[in-house]
């Protein structure tokens, strides 16, 4: 990732793509099973559907518990904001009207397999990163850049896990 100089209010994003030698249905089965994600993430520790939901659908909510050496442990509630089977799954973290982050998986058939992209956007709502920025406003751009690089590294690792499982 190259330096962008982005600030939190810019709603900076990161996206990673990979090609998987498996059909979209196989990849979708992994991506849409959010309870598998803690096994493939360095930060996410657990995920559970709320309000009786058993899987993704627009409006479905889930709680995620995460851990990071610099931020400690935390819990967020997310809401599915986009759901197109075998194509798109997106969720807003915390308040869907002003999320602290938005995450999206996008699948596309390609060359007999599937192109899988995972994208995320910071903000505009406050998050744990906002607390660090409040304490060191002069370092905001560096704080944002370092966190985006962490997300890029973690997304790359998650996509590699999904690829490995889908191609097995």
Foldseek 3Di string as FASTA:
>chain_A
DDQDLDFLQVFDKDKDKDWALFALLLLLVVVFPVQCVCVQFPWWPGKDWPPPDPTDDAFTKMKIWTADPVLGIDIWMKGWHDDDRSAKTKIFTHDPVWGQKIKMWGWDDDPNTIMIMIMMTGTPDDDSLVVVCVVPVVCRSVSVVVVNVVVNVRVVSSVVVSSVVSRD
